[in-house]
Amino acid sequence: MKWGMPWPGTVLAQQCEEAGATAFCAGEFVDASAYVTASEMAHATTAARIGPGIAYAFARSPFVHAAAARHLNKIARGRVFLGLGAGTGRMNRDWFGVDSSHPAPRMRELVSCIRAFLTAEDYQRITFDGEFYTVNARIQAPVMGPIDIPILLGAFNIHMIRTAGAVADGVLGHGLFTDRWWNEVVDPQLRLGAERERRDSAGLLRWGWVITAIDDADPQRAIEDARRQIAFYLTVKTYDSLVTLHGWQDEVAAIRREFASGDPRKLGNHVSEEMLWSMAVCGDAGQAREMLSNRRRLPELAILSPPAFLVSSRRRANYCANVLAVVSEMGVFQ
């Protein structure tokens, strides 16, 4: 299994590269742009893949995504990927001020438009006429030329997974993805989407986040942080189909009651051992090794991501350093 991390900063990232990390990614929020962080990654690394993971897809036009990708490719030639996600309807409407209705067909058109910009030859007219996007661009400058930049979708529901199979280069799975979700949902839906476009799904990338909190000094706190992160993700109904697949409705109902009326620090109390071992790698290094060995279907490239919910930036940095120590000293993730 190949591994990577959310961007941990220049010093630790360089140490991670030396230990075999093959990718770094960055999400975004109101105070952080995935593309700006990707630029930092591009300058600070030499071999690993770098890119947004994820950037909010509909908050930018196809041109803006493609221009950012081309710019990054000038700095980190051949190492750039794009990880795009739809975001929630409320965020798109109330935060970004954009229409995100019909997200799967809209994403299909967006990816096609971005790829048109990325594969265009010098002076080639770039055209697209769809329901959501219309492009008719002739770039009168010798700055184009086709470049190969994989586009992965942060896809969870079956419609977006099929879209990834139809037009993208793969998926960037959520930290909640279990072995069963990969095997019983992601793979079949990727294959269906690909077959409808006469594509071969075998070559599609299957990358994903893995909730990872390792701390030999305080393994119980690491476990609690992982539990709380899982619970926080499950406060929204987006992931109910995964919950139903595993029969975790009672636990999730308790999580949501706690979130609505209780102390958010107690959310993790409702995450069962089965849930924890299905979705996280946590505790001390020994337990982390055991949890990994029990997984039968990790992503091909695992983004080992420390918990963020109610976790300080200092503790997150410590978790990143501990992952590096485990990789370097014990080869757990090799």
C-alpha atoms as a PDB file:
ATOM      1  CA  MET A   1       0.000   0.000   0.000  1.00  0.00           C
ATOM      2  CA  LYS A   2       1.297   3.426  -0.934  1.00  0.00           C
ATOM      3  CA  TRP A   3       0.801   6.202   1.568  1.00  0.00           C
ATOM      4  CA  GLY A   4       0.656   9.949   1.835  1.00  0.00           C
ATOM      5  CA  MET A   5      -0.532  12.686   4.176  1.00  0.00           C
ATOM      6  CA  PRO A   6      -2.515  15.853   4.309  1.00  0.00           C
ATOM      7  CA  TRP A   7       0.093  18.598   3.974  1.00  0.00           C
ATOM      8  CA  PRO A   8       2.112  18.530   7.251  1.00  0.00           C
ATOM      9  CA  GLY A   9       4.413  21.454   6.471  1.00  0.00           C
ATOM     10  CA  THR A  10       7.729  21.642   4.663  1.00  0.00           C
ATOM     11  CA  VAL A  11      10.075  20.073   7.213  1.00  0.00           C
ATOM     12  CA  LEU A  12       7.954  17.042   8.035  1.00  0.00           C
ATOM     13  CA  ALA A  13       6.934  16.583   4.396  1.00  0.00           C
ATOM     14  CA  GLN A  14      10.548  16.314   3.309  1.00  0.00           C
ATOM     15  CA  GLN A  15      11.123  13.682   5.986  1.00  0.00           C
ATOM     16  CA  CYS A  16       7.998  11.869   4.812  1.00  0.00           C
ATOM     17  CA  GLU A  17       9.292  11.829   1.241  1.00  0.00           C
ATOM     18  CA  GLU A  18      12.528  10.272   2.452  1.00  0.00           C
ATOM     19  CA  ALA A  19      10.462   7.623   4.261  1.00  0.00           C
ATOM     20  CA  GLY A  20       8.491   6.797   1.110  1.00  0.00           C
ATOM     21  CA  ALA A  21       5.447   9.079   1.080  1.00  0.00           C
ATOM     22  CA  THR A  22       4.077   9.230  -2.454  1.00  0.00           C
ATOM     23  CA  ALA A  23       1.453  11.990  -2.180  1.00  0.00           C
ATOM     24  CA  PHE A  24       0.396  15.070  -0.261  1.00  0.00           C
ATOM     25  CA  CYS A  25      -2.933  16.851  -0.498  1.00  0.00           C
ATOM     26  CA  ALA A  26      -4.764  19.780   1.040  1.00  0.00           C
ATOM     27  CA  GLY A  27      -8.366  20.639   1.663  1.00  0.00           C
ATOM     28  CA  GLU A  28      -9.757  24.110   2.069  1.00  0.00           C
ATOM     29  CA  PHE A  29     -11.889  26.276   4.292  1.00  0.00           C
ATOM     30  CA  VAL A  30     -12.725  29.930   4.701  1.00  0.00           C
ATOM     31  CA  ASP A  31      -9.117  30.667   5.714  1.00  0.00           C
ATOM     32  CA  ALA A  32      -7.241  28.253   3.444  1.00  0.00           C
ATOM     33  CA  SER A  33      -7.167  27.623  -0.315  1.00  0.00           C
ATOM     34  CA  ALA A  34      -6.335  24.128  -1.522  1.00  0.00           C
ATOM     35  CA  TYR A  35      -4.545  25.532  -4.559  1.00  0.00           C
ATOM     36  CA  VAL A  36      -2.406  27.958  -2.546  1.00  0.00           C
ATOM     37  CA  THR A  37      -1.361  25.120  -0.248  1.00  0.00           C
ATOM     38  CA  ALA A  38      -0.692  22.946  -3.295  1.00  0.00           C
ATOM     39  CA  SER A  39       1.738  25.599  -4.508  1.00  0.00           C
ATOM     40  CA  GLU A  40       3.591  25.348  -1.205  1.00  0.00           C
ATOM     41  CA  MET A  41       3.671  21.570  -1.635  1.00  0.00           C
ATOM     42  CA  ALA A  42       4.973  21.862  -5.177  1.00  0.00           C
ATOM     43  CA  HIS A  43       7.888  24.053  -4.102  1.00  0.00           C
ATOM     44  CA  ALA A  44       8.788  21.992  -1.032  1.00  0.00           C
ATOM     45  CA  THR A  45       8.754  18.454  -2.471  1.00  0.00           C
ATOM     46  CA  THR A  46      10.704  16.673  -5.174  1.00  0.00           C
ATOM     47  CA  ALA A  47       9.021  13.373  -6.016  1.00  0.00           C
ATOM     48  CA  ALA A  48       5.624  13.000  -4.341  1.00  0.00           C
ATOM     49  CA  ARG A  49       2.334  13.691  -6.050  1.00  0.00           C
ATOM     50  CA  ILE A  50       0.760  16.961  -4.919  1.00  0.00           C
ATOM     51  CA  GLY A  51      -2.639  18.544  -5.358  1.00  0.00           C
ATOM     52  CA  PRO A  52      -5.880  19.738  -3.835  1.00  0.00           C
ATOM     53  CA  GLY A  53      -7.724  17.065  -1.981  1.00  0.00           C
ATOM     54  CA  ILE A  54     -10.288  18.290  -2.112  1.00  0.00           C
ATOM     55  CA  ALA A  55     -10.972  21.620  -3.784  1.00  0.00           C
ATOM     56  CA  TYR A  56     -14.592  22.709  -3.951  1.00  0.00           C
ATOM     57  CA  ALA A  57     -15.468  22.013  -7.550  1.00  0.00           C
ATOM     58  CA  PHE A  58     -18.369  24.361  -8.224  1.00  0.00           C
ATOM     59  CA  ALA A  59     -16.851  27.340  -6.396  1.00  0.00           C
ATOM     60  CA  ARG A  60     -14.547  27.833  -9.404  1.00  0.00           C
ATOM     61  CA  SER A  61     -15.035  27.796 -13.159  1.00  0.00           C
ATOM     62  CA  PRO A  62     -13.409  25.101 -15.325  1.00  0.00           C
ATOM     63  CA  PHE A  63     -10.960  27.751 -16.544  1.00  0.00           C
ATOM     64  CA  VAL A  64      -9.839  28.597 -13.002  1.00  0.00           C
ATOM     65  CA  HIS A  65      -9.309  24.932 -12.077  1.00  0.00           C
ATOM     66  CA  ALA A  66      -7.378  24.272 -15.280  1.00  0.00           C
ATOM     67  CA  ALA A  67      -5.241  27.409 -15.014  1.00  0.00           C
ATOM     68  CA  ALA A  68      -4.292  26.506 -11.443  1.00  0.00           C
ATOM     69  CA  ALA A  69      -3.418  22.973 -12.537  1.00  0.00           C
ATOM     70  CA  ARG A  70      -1.241  24.216 -15.392  1.00  0.00           C
ATOM     71  CA  HIS A  71       0.507  26.652 -13.054  1.00  0.00           C
ATOM     72  CA  LEU A  72       1.223  23.896 -10.535  1.00  0.00           C
ATOM     73  CA  ASN A  73       2.525  21.677 -13.314  1.00  0.00           C
ATOM     74  CA  LYS A  74       5.141  24.296 -14.169  1.00  0.00           C
ATOM     75  CA  ILE A  75       6.502  23.945 -10.634  1.00  0.00           C
ATOM     76  CA  ALA A  76       6.025  20.200 -10.092  1.00  0.00           C
ATOM     77  CA  ARG A  77       6.001  18.796 -13.602  1.00  0.00           C
ATOM     78  CA  GLY A  78       4.308  15.440 -13.878  1.00  0.00           C
ATOM     79  CA  ARG A  79       3.423  15.315 -10.166  1.00  0.00           C
ATOM     80  CA  VAL A  80       0.117  17.201 -10.025  1.00  0.00           C
ATOM     81  CA  PHE A  81      -3.357  15.754  -9.466  1.00  0.00           C
ATOM     82  CA  LEU A  82      -6.717  17.412  -8.930  1.00  0.00           C
ATOM     83  CA  GLY A  83      -9.019  16.168  -6.202  1.00  0.00           C
ATOM     84  CA  LEU A  84     -12.441  17.771  -6.605  1.00  0.00           C
ATOM     85  CA  GLY A  85     -15.541  17.564  -4.441  1.00  0.00           C
ATOM     86  CA  ALA A  86     -19.053  18.915  -4.828  1.00  0.00           C
ATOM     87  CA  GLY A  87     -19.475  20.164  -1.272  1.00  0.00           C
ATOM     88  CA  THR A  88     -22.896  20.444   0.319  1.00  0.00           C
ATOM     89  CA  GLY A  89     -25.800  22.241  -1.270  1.00  0.00           C
ATOM     90  CA  ARG A  90     -25.937  24.692   1.613  1.00  0.00           C
ATOM     91  CA  MET A  91     -22.242  25.573   1.363  1.00  0.00           C
ATOM     92  CA  ASN A  92     -22.508  26.146  -2.368  1.00  0.00           C
ATOM     93  CA  ARG A  93     -25.569  28.339  -1.990  1.00  0.00           C
ATOM     94  CA  ASP A  94     -24.791  30.251   1.211  1.00  0.00           C
ATOM     95  CA  TRP A  95     -20.980  30.345   1.241  1.00  0.00           C
ATOM     96  CA  PHE A  96     -19.916  30.278  -2.386  1.00  0.00           C
ATOM     97  CA  GLY A  97     -22.960  31.926  -3.931  1.00  0.00           C
ATOM     98  CA  VAL A  98     -23.208  29.355  -6.723  1.00  0.00           C
ATOM     99  CA  ASP A  99     -25.768  26.888  -8.029  1.00  0.00           C
ATOM    100  CA  SER A 100     -24.910  23.257  -7.284  1.00  0.00           C
ATOM    101  CA  SER A 101     -28.177  21.614  -8.305  1.00  0.00           C
ATOM    102  CA  HIS A 102     -27.877  18.264 -10.088  1.00  0.00           C
ATOM    103  CA  PRO A 103     -24.354  17.761  -8.692  1.00  0.00           C
ATOM    104  CA  ALA A 104     -23.458  14.538 -10.525  1.00  0.00           C
ATOM    105  CA  PRO A 105     -24.258  15.714 -14.092  1.00  0.00           C
ATOM    106  CA  ARG A 106     -22.826  19.135 -13.227  1.00  0.00           C
ATOM    107  CA  MET A 107     -19.591  17.492 -12.063  1.00  0.00           C
ATOM    108  CA  ARG A 108     -19.468  15.402 -15.221  1.00  0.00           C
ATOM    109  CA  GLU A 109     -19.540  18.558 -17.334  1.00  0.00           C
ATOM    110  CA  LEU A 110     -17.038  20.359 -15.113  1.00  0.00           C
ATOM    111  CA  VAL A 111     -14.494  17.539 -15.373  1.00  0.00           C
ATOM    112  CA  SER A 112     -14.960  17.384 -19.142  1.00  0.00           C
ATOM    113  CA  CYS A 113     -14.407  21.141 -19.441  1.00  0.00           C
ATOM    114  CA  ILE A 114     -11.306  21.090 -17.250  1.00  0.00           C
ATOM    115  CA  ARG A 115      -9.880  18.250 -19.297  1.00  0.00           C
ATOM    116  CA  ALA A 116     -10.574  20.168 -22.503  1.00  0.00           C
ATOM    117  CA  PHE A 117      -8.414  23.019 -21.207  1.00  0.00           C
ATOM    118  CA  LEU A 118      -5.689  20.616 -20.047  1.00  0.00           C
ATOM    119  CA  THR A 119      -5.471  18.658 -23.304  1.00  0.00           C
ATOM    120  CA  ALA A 120      -5.690  21.542 -25.772  1.00  0.00           C
ATOM    121  CA  GLU A 121      -2.884  22.193 -28.220  1.00  0.00           C
ATOM    122  CA  ASP A 122      -1.499  25.684 -28.801  1.00  0.00           C
ATOM    123  CA  TYR A 123      -4.049  27.899 -30.578  1.00  0.00           C
ATOM    124  CA  GLN A 124      -6.692  25.147 -30.527  1.00  0.00           C
ATOM    125  CA  ARG A 125     -10.218  26.431 -29.959  1.00  0.00           C
ATOM    126  CA  ILE A 126     -11.650  24.946 -26.772  1.00  0.00           C
ATOM    127  CA  THR A 127     -15.369  24.323 -27.015  1.00  0.00           C
ATOM    128  CA  PHE A 128     -18.001  22.782 -24.793  1.00  0.00           C
ATOM    129  CA  ASP A 129     -21.755  23.182 -24.961  1.00  0.00           C
ATOM    130  CA  GLY A 130     -23.553  21.566 -22.063  1.00  0.00           C
ATOM    131  CA  GLU A 131     -26.458  22.138 -19.728  1.00  0.00           C
ATOM    132  CA  PHE A 132     -24.329  23.732 -17.016  1.00  0.00           C
ATOM    133  CA  TYR A 133     -21.193  24.971 -18.773  1.00  0.00           C
ATOM    134  CA  THR A 134     -20.556  26.603 -22.120  1.00  0.00           C
ATOM    135  CA  VAL A 135     -17.017  27.295 -23.325  1.00  0.00           C
ATOM    136  CA  ASN A 136     -15.825  28.784 -26.599  1.00  0.00           C
ATOM    137  CA  ALA A 137     -12.231  29.831 -25.969  1.00  0.00           C
ATOM    138  CA  ARG A 138      -9.413  30.441 -28.376  1.00  0.00           C
ATOM    139  CA  ILE A 139      -6.199  31.100 -26.473  1.00  0.00           C
ATOM    140  CA  GLN A 140      -4.054  33.232 -28.759  1.00  0.00           C
ATOM    141  CA  ALA A 141      -0.737  32.469 -27.092  1.00  0.00           C
ATOM    142  CA  PRO A 142       1.686  29.521 -27.228  1.00  0.00           C
ATOM    143  CA  VAL A 143       1.074  28.512 -23.628  1.00  0.00           C
ATOM    144  CA  MET A 144      -1.048  25.388 -23.996  1.00  0.00           C
ATOM    145  CA  GLY A 145      -0.102  21.874 -25.069  1.00  0.00           C
ATOM    146  CA  PRO A 146      -1.624  18.741 -23.527  1.00  0.00           C
ATOM    147  CA  ILE A 147      -0.597  17.777 -20.005  1.00  0.00           C
ATOM    148  CA  ASP A 148      -1.569  14.654 -18.084  1.00  0.00           C
ATOM    149  CA  ILE A 149      -3.090  15.590 -14.727  1.00  0.00           C
ATOM    150  CA  PRO A 150      -5.279  12.954 -13.057  1.00  0.00           C
ATOM    151  CA  ILE A 151      -8.650  14.215 -11.860  1.00  0.00           C
ATOM    152  CA  LEU A 152     -10.101  12.370  -8.873  1.00  0.00           C
ATOM    153  CA  LEU A 153     -13.519  12.944  -7.364  1.00  0.00           C
ATOM    154  CA  GLY A 154     -14.341  13.003  -3.688  1.00  0.00           C
ATOM    155  CA  ALA A 155     -17.289  10.737  -4.418  1.00  0.00           C
ATOM    156  CA  PHE A 156     -19.520   9.056  -1.845  1.00  0.00           C
ATOM    157  CA  ASN A 157     -22.993   8.470  -3.278  1.00  0.00           C
ATOM    158  CA  ILE A 158     -23.487   6.060  -6.151  1.00  0.00           C
ATOM    159  CA  HIS A 159     -24.258   8.777  -8.698  1.00  0.00           C
ATOM    160  CA  MET A 160     -20.995  10.636  -8.074  1.00  0.00           C
ATOM    161  CA  ILE A 161     -19.031   7.369  -8.007  1.00  0.00           C
ATOM    162  CA  ARG A 162     -20.519   6.490 -11.403  1.00  0.00           C
ATOM    163  CA  THR A 163     -19.547   9.956 -12.622  1.00  0.00           C
ATOM    164  CA  ALA A 164     -15.977   9.286 -11.522  1.00  0.00           C
ATOM    165  CA  GLY A 165     -16.032   6.044 -13.469  1.00  0.00           C
ATOM    166  CA  ALA A 166     -17.451   7.772 -16.526  1.00  0.00           C
ATOM    167  CA  VAL A 167     -15.227  10.842 -16.879  1.00  0.00           C
ATOM    168  CA  ALA A 168     -12.624  11.098 -14.107  1.00  0.00           C
ATOM    169  CA  ASP A 169      -9.419   9.214 -13.350  1.00  0.00           C
ATOM    170  CA  GLY A 170     -10.581   7.766 -10.069  1.00  0.00           C
ATOM    171  CA  VAL A 171     -11.921   8.488  -6.602  1.00  0.00           C
ATOM    172  CA  LEU A 172     -10.499  10.052  -3.465  1.00  0.00           C
ATOM    173  CA  GLY A 173     -12.397   8.164  -0.801  1.00  0.00           C
ATOM    174  CA  HIS A 174     -13.689   9.625   2.450  1.00  0.00           C
ATOM    175  CA  GLY A 175     -12.182   8.666   5.806  1.00  0.00           C
ATOM    176  CA  LEU A 176     -15.384   6.775   6.644  1.00  0.00           C
ATOM    177  CA  PHE A 177     -14.938   4.317   3.773  1.00  0.00           C
ATOM    178  CA  THR A 178     -14.838   0.772   5.113  1.00  0.00           C
ATOM    179  CA  ASP A 179     -13.645  -2.403   3.439  1.00  0.00           C
ATOM    180  CA  ARG A 180     -17.249  -3.276   2.617  1.00  0.00           C
ATOM    181  CA  TRP A 181     -17.957   0.165   1.180  1.00  0.00           C
ATOM    182  CA  TRP A 182     -14.972  -0.126  -1.147  1.00  0.00           C
ATOM    183  CA  ASN A 183     -15.861  -3.671  -2.198  1.00  0.00           C
ATOM    184  CA  GLU A 184     -19.654  -3.564  -2.308  1.00  0.00           C
ATOM    185  CA  VAL A 185     -20.323   0.005  -3.420  1.00  0.00           C
ATOM    186  CA  VAL A 186     -17.308   1.851  -4.816  1.00  0.00           C
ATOM    187  CA  ASP A 187     -15.931  -0.863  -7.092  1.00  0.00           C
ATOM    188  CA  PRO A 188     -19.276  -1.906  -8.652  1.00  0.00           C
ATOM    189  CA  GLN A 189     -20.416   1.680  -9.208  1.00  0.00           C
ATOM    190  CA  LEU A 190     -17.058   2.730 -10.660  1.00  0.00           C
ATOM    191  CA  ARG A 191     -17.276  -0.223 -13.012  1.00  0.00           C
ATOM    192  CA  LEU A 192     -20.840   0.641 -14.022  1.00  0.00           C
ATOM    193  CA  GLY A 193     -19.956   4.258 -14.735  1.00  0.00           C
ATOM    194  CA  ALA A 194     -16.926   3.229 -16.750  1.00  0.00           C
ATOM    195  CA  GLU A 195     -18.760   0.563 -18.743  1.00  0.00           C
ATOM    196  CA  ARG A 196     -21.436   3.030 -19.793  1.00  0.00           C
ATOM    197  CA  GLU A 197     -18.682   5.068 -21.460  1.00  0.00           C
ATOM    198  CA  ARG A 198     -16.826   1.991 -22.722  1.00  0.00           C
ATOM    199  CA  ARG A 199     -13.958   2.639 -20.345  1.00  0.00           C
ATOM    200  CA  ASP A 200     -11.964   0.071 -18.358  1.00  0.00           C
ATOM    201  CA  SER A 201     -12.444   0.635 -14.633  1.00  0.00           C
ATOM    202  CA  ALA A 202      -9.402  -1.465 -13.762  1.00  0.00           C
ATOM    203  CA  GLY A 203      -7.104   1.459 -14.466  1.00  0.00           C
ATOM    204  CA  LEU A 204      -9.016   3.970 -12.348  1.00  0.00           C
ATOM    205  CA  LEU A 205      -7.284   5.272  -9.236  1.00  0.00           C
ATOM    206  CA  ARG A 206      -8.656   4.296  -5.843  1.00  0.00           C
ATOM    207  CA  TRP A 207      -7.124   6.670  -3.334  1.00  0.00           C
ATOM    208  CA  GLY A 208      -8.604   7.479   0.033  1.00  0.00           C
ATOM    209  CA  TRP A 209      -8.253   9.020   3.441  1.00  0.00           C
ATOM    210  CA  VAL A 210      -7.687   6.855   6.527  1.00  0.00           C
ATOM    211  CA  ILE A 211      -8.365   8.371   9.954  1.00  0.00           C
ATOM    212  CA  THR A 212      -5.028   7.879  11.707  1.00  0.00           C
ATOM    213  CA  ALA A 213      -4.101   8.800  15.292  1.00  0.00           C
ATOM    214  CA  ILE A 214      -1.038   7.064  16.722  1.00  0.00           C
ATOM    215  CA  ASP A 215       0.514   8.025  20.048  1.00  0.00           C
ATOM    216  CA  ASP A 216       2.579   5.664  22.183  1.00  0.00           C
ATOM    217  CA  ALA A 217       2.691   8.274  24.964  1.00  0.00           C
ATOM    218  CA  ASP A 218      -1.102   8.583  25.233  1.00  0.00           C
ATOM    219  CA  PRO A 219      -2.786   5.889  23.129  1.00  0.00           C
ATOM    220  CA  GLN A 220      -6.155   6.309  24.838  1.00  0.00           C
ATOM    221  CA  ARG A 221      -6.378   9.958  23.849  1.00  0.00           C
ATOM    222  CA  ALA A 222      -5.498   8.983  20.275  1.00  0.00           C
ATOM    223  CA  ILE A 223      -8.321   6.436  20.286  1.00  0.00           C
ATOM    224  CA  GLU A 224     -10.746   8.997  21.696  1.00  0.00           C
ATOM    225  CA  ASP A 225      -9.762  11.531  19.036  1.00  0.00           C
ATOM    226  CA  ALA A 226     -10.359   8.954  16.299  1.00  0.00           C
ATOM    227  CA  ARG A 227     -13.738   7.994  17.765  1.00  0.00           C
ATOM    228  CA  ARG A 228     -14.781  11.636  18.000  1.00  0.00           C
ATOM    229  CA  GLN A 229     -13.777  12.313  14.392  1.00  0.00           C
ATOM    230  CA  ILE A 230     -15.819   9.362  13.157  1.00  0.00           C
ATOM    231  CA  ALA A 231     -18.798  10.523  15.197  1.00  0.00           C
ATOM    232  CA  PHE A 232     -18.531  14.087  13.928  1.00  0.00           C
ATOM    233  CA  TYR A 233     -18.601  12.909  10.318  1.00  0.00           C
ATOM    234  CA  LEU A 234     -21.706  10.854  11.063  1.00  0.00           C
ATOM    235  CA  THR A 235     -23.682  13.785  12.475  1.00  0.00           C
ATOM    236  CA  VAL A 236     -24.855  14.515   8.918  1.00  0.00           C
ATOM    237  CA  LYS A 237     -27.164  12.298   6.884  1.00  0.00           C
ATOM    238  CA  THR A 238     -24.874  12.251   3.856  1.00  0.00           C
ATOM    239  CA  TYR A 239     -23.375   8.951   4.945  1.00  0.00           C
ATOM    240  CA  ASP A 240     -26.570   7.157   5.971  1.00  0.00           C
ATOM    241  CA  SER A 241     -26.263   4.574   3.207  1.00  0.00           C
ATOM    242  CA  LEU A 242     -22.947   3.422   4.696  1.00  0.00           C
ATOM    243  CA  VAL A 243     -24.532   3.363   8.145  1.00  0.00           C
ATOM    244  CA  THR A 244     -27.382   1.216   6.830  1.00  0.00           C
ATOM    245  CA  LEU A 245     -24.996  -1.149   5.057  1.00  0.00           C
ATOM    246  CA  HIS A 246     -23.309  -1.917   8.376  1.00  0.00           C
ATOM    247  CA  GLY A 247     -26.393  -1.777  10.603  1.00  0.00           C
ATOM    248  CA  TRP A 248     -25.088   1.086  12.741  1.00  0.00           C
ATOM    249  CA  GLN A 249     -28.346   3.038  12.897  1.00  0.00           C
ATOM    250  CA  ASP A 250     -28.661   2.889  16.702  1.00  0.00           C
ATOM    251  CA  GLU A 251     -25.143   4.178  17.294  1.00  0.00           C
ATOM    252  CA  VAL A 252     -25.575   6.987  14.798  1.00  0.00           C
ATOM    253  CA  ALA A 253     -28.935   7.999  16.270  1.00  0.00           C
ATOM    254  CA  ALA A 254     -27.224   8.335  19.656  1.00  0.00           C
ATOM    255  CA  ILE A 255     -24.421  10.383  18.087  1.00  0.00           C
ATOM    256  CA  ARG A 256     -26.927  12.806  16.583  1.00  0.00           C
ATOM    257  CA  ARG A 257     -28.871  13.171  19.820  1.00  0.00           C
ATOM    258  CA  GLU A 258     -25.644  13.954  21.641  1.00  0.00           C
ATOM    259  CA  PHE A 259     -24.609  16.448  19.002  1.00  0.00           C
ATOM    260  CA  ALA A 260     -27.961  18.230  19.128  1.00  0.00           C
ATOM    261  CA  SER A 261     -28.242  18.550  22.887  1.00  0.00           C
ATOM    262  CA  GLY A 262     -25.111  17.385  24.637  1.00  0.00           C
ATOM    263  CA  ASP A 263     -21.376  17.843  24.947  1.00  0.00           C
ATOM    264  CA  PRO A 264     -19.581  17.378  21.579  1.00  0.00           C
ATOM    265  CA  ARG A 265     -16.617  15.955  23.457  1.00  0.00           C
ATOM    266  CA  LYS A 266     -18.797  12.943  24.271  1.00  0.00           C
ATOM    267  CA  LEU A 267     -19.734  12.144  20.673  1.00  0.00           C
ATOM    268  CA  GLY A 268     -17.125   9.423  20.433  1.00  0.00           C
ATOM    269  CA  ASN A 269     -18.698   7.519  23.324  1.00  0.00           C
ATOM    270  CA  HIS A 270     -21.318   6.241  20.886  1.00  0.00           C
ATOM    271  CA  VAL A 271     -18.817   4.875  18.341  1.00  0.00           C
ATOM    272  CA  SER A 272     -18.639   1.118  18.812  1.00  0.00           C
ATOM    273  CA  GLU A 273     -15.491  -0.975  18.649  1.00  0.00           C
ATOM    274  CA  GLU A 274     -16.724  -2.406  15.356  1.00  0.00           C
ATOM    275  CA  MET A 275     -17.090   1.074  13.904  1.00  0.00           C
ATOM    276  CA  LEU A 276     -13.671   2.151  15.168  1.00  0.00           C
ATOM    277  CA  TRP A 277     -11.859  -0.880  13.784  1.00  0.00           C
ATOM    278  CA  SER A 278     -13.685  -0.592  10.472  1.00  0.00           C
ATOM    279  CA  MET A 279     -12.661   3.001   9.821  1.00  0.00           C
ATOM    280  CA  ALA A 280      -9.609   4.063  11.831  1.00  0.00           C
ATOM    281  CA  VAL A 281      -5.991   3.294  12.628  1.00  0.00           C
ATOM    282  CA  CYS A 282      -5.350   4.471  16.172  1.00  0.00           C
ATOM    283  CA  GLY A 283      -3.852   3.868  19.587  1.00  0.00           C
ATOM    284  CA  ASP A 284      -0.228   2.928  20.063  1.00  0.00           C
ATOM    285  CA  ALA A 285       1.951   1.594  17.261  1.00  0.00           C
ATOM    286  CA  GLY A 286       1.150  -2.001  18.162  1.00  0.00           C
ATOM    287  CA  GLN A 287      -2.591  -1.509  17.928  1.00  0.00           C
ATOM    288  CA  ALA A 288      -2.167   0.495  14.728  1.00  0.00           C
ATOM    289  CA  ARG A 289      -0.359  -2.465  13.196  1.00  0.00           C
ATOM    290  CA  GLU A 290      -3.132  -4.808  14.315  1.00  0.00           C
ATOM    291  CA  MET A 291      -5.875  -2.556  12.955  1.00  0.00           C
ATOM    292  CA  LEU A 292      -4.135  -2.377   9.606  1.00  0.00           C
ATOM    293  CA  SER A 293      -3.669  -6.131   9.432  1.00  0.00           C
ATOM    294  CA  ASN A 294      -7.392  -6.598  10.070  1.00  0.00           C
ATOM    295  CA  ARG A 295      -8.326  -4.410   7.099  1.00  0.00           C
ATOM    296  CA  ARG A 296      -8.835  -6.340   3.886  1.00  0.00           C
ATOM    297  CA  ARG A 297      -9.426  -3.436   1.533  1.00  0.00           C
ATOM    298  CA  LEU A 298      -7.482  -0.266   2.172  1.00  0.00           C
ATOM    299  CA  PRO A 299      -7.204   2.275  -0.659  1.00  0.00           C
ATOM    300  CA  GLU A 300      -4.351   1.798  -3.100  1.00  0.00           C
ATOM    301  CA  LEU A 301      -2.921   5.083  -1.854  1.00  0.00           C
ATOM    302  CA  ALA A 302      -3.877   5.836   1.731  1.00  0.00           C
ATOM    303  CA  ILE A 303      -3.838   9.443   2.903  1.00  0.00           C
ATOM    304  CA  LEU A 304      -3.080   8.920   6.600  1.00  0.00           C
ATOM    305  CA  SER A 305      -5.075  11.757   8.088  1.00  0.00           C
ATOM    306  CA  PRO A 306      -5.015  12.808  11.754  1.00  0.00           C
ATOM    307  CA  PRO A 307      -8.330  13.744  13.371  1.00  0.00           C
ATOM    308  CA  ALA A 308      -9.251  17.417  13.274  1.00  0.00           C
ATOM    309  CA  PHE A 309     -12.501  17.743  15.240  1.00  0.00           C
ATOM    310  CA  LEU A 310     -11.686  19.262  18.664  1.00  0.00           C
ATOM    311  CA  VAL A 311      -8.011  18.458  18.080  1.00  0.00           C
ATOM    312  CA  SER A 312      -5.460  21.257  18.362  1.00  0.00           C
ATOM    313  CA  SER A 313      -3.067  22.007  15.530  1.00  0.00           C
ATOM    314  CA  ARG A 314      -0.210  21.024  17.841  1.00  0.00           C
ATOM    315  CA  ARG A 315      -1.729  17.613  18.526  1.00  0.00           C
ATOM    316  CA  ARG A 316      -2.434  17.092  14.821  1.00  0.00           C
ATOM    317  CA  ALA A 317       1.196  17.866  14.069  1.00  0.00           C
ATOM    318  CA  ASN A 318       2.192  15.364  16.748  1.00  0.00           C
ATOM    319  CA  TYR A 319       0.026  12.680  15.127  1.00  0.00           C
ATOM    320  CA  CYS A 320       1.664  13.380  11.761  1.00  0.00           C
ATOM    321  CA  ALA A 321       5.107  13.068  13.319  1.00  0.00           C
ATOM    322  CA  ASN A 322       4.084   9.813  14.999  1.00  0.00           C
ATOM    323  CA  VAL A 323       2.922   8.356  11.684  1.00  0.00           C
ATOM    324  CA  LEU A 324       6.306   9.231  10.226  1.00  0.00           C
ATOM    325  CA  ALA A 325       8.057   7.614  13.190  1.00  0.00           C
ATOM    326  CA  VAL A 326       6.035   4.423  12.789  1.00  0.00           C
ATOM    327  CA  VAL A 327       6.740   4.282   9.062  1.00  0.00           C
ATOM    328  CA  SER A 328      10.438   4.977   9.491  1.00  0.00           C
ATOM    329  CA  GLU A 329      11.119   2.736  12.474  1.00  0.00           C
ATOM    330  CA  MET A 330       8.723  -0.166  12.023  1.00  0.00           C
ATOM    331  CA  GLY A 331       7.569  -0.086   8.433  1.00  0.00           C
ATOM    332  CA  VAL A 332       3.928  -0.461   9.458  1.00  0.00           C
ATOM    333  CA  PHE A 333       2.648   1.222   6.308  1.00  0.00           C
ATOM    334  CA  GLN A 334       5.200  -0.160   3.873  1.00  0.00           C
END
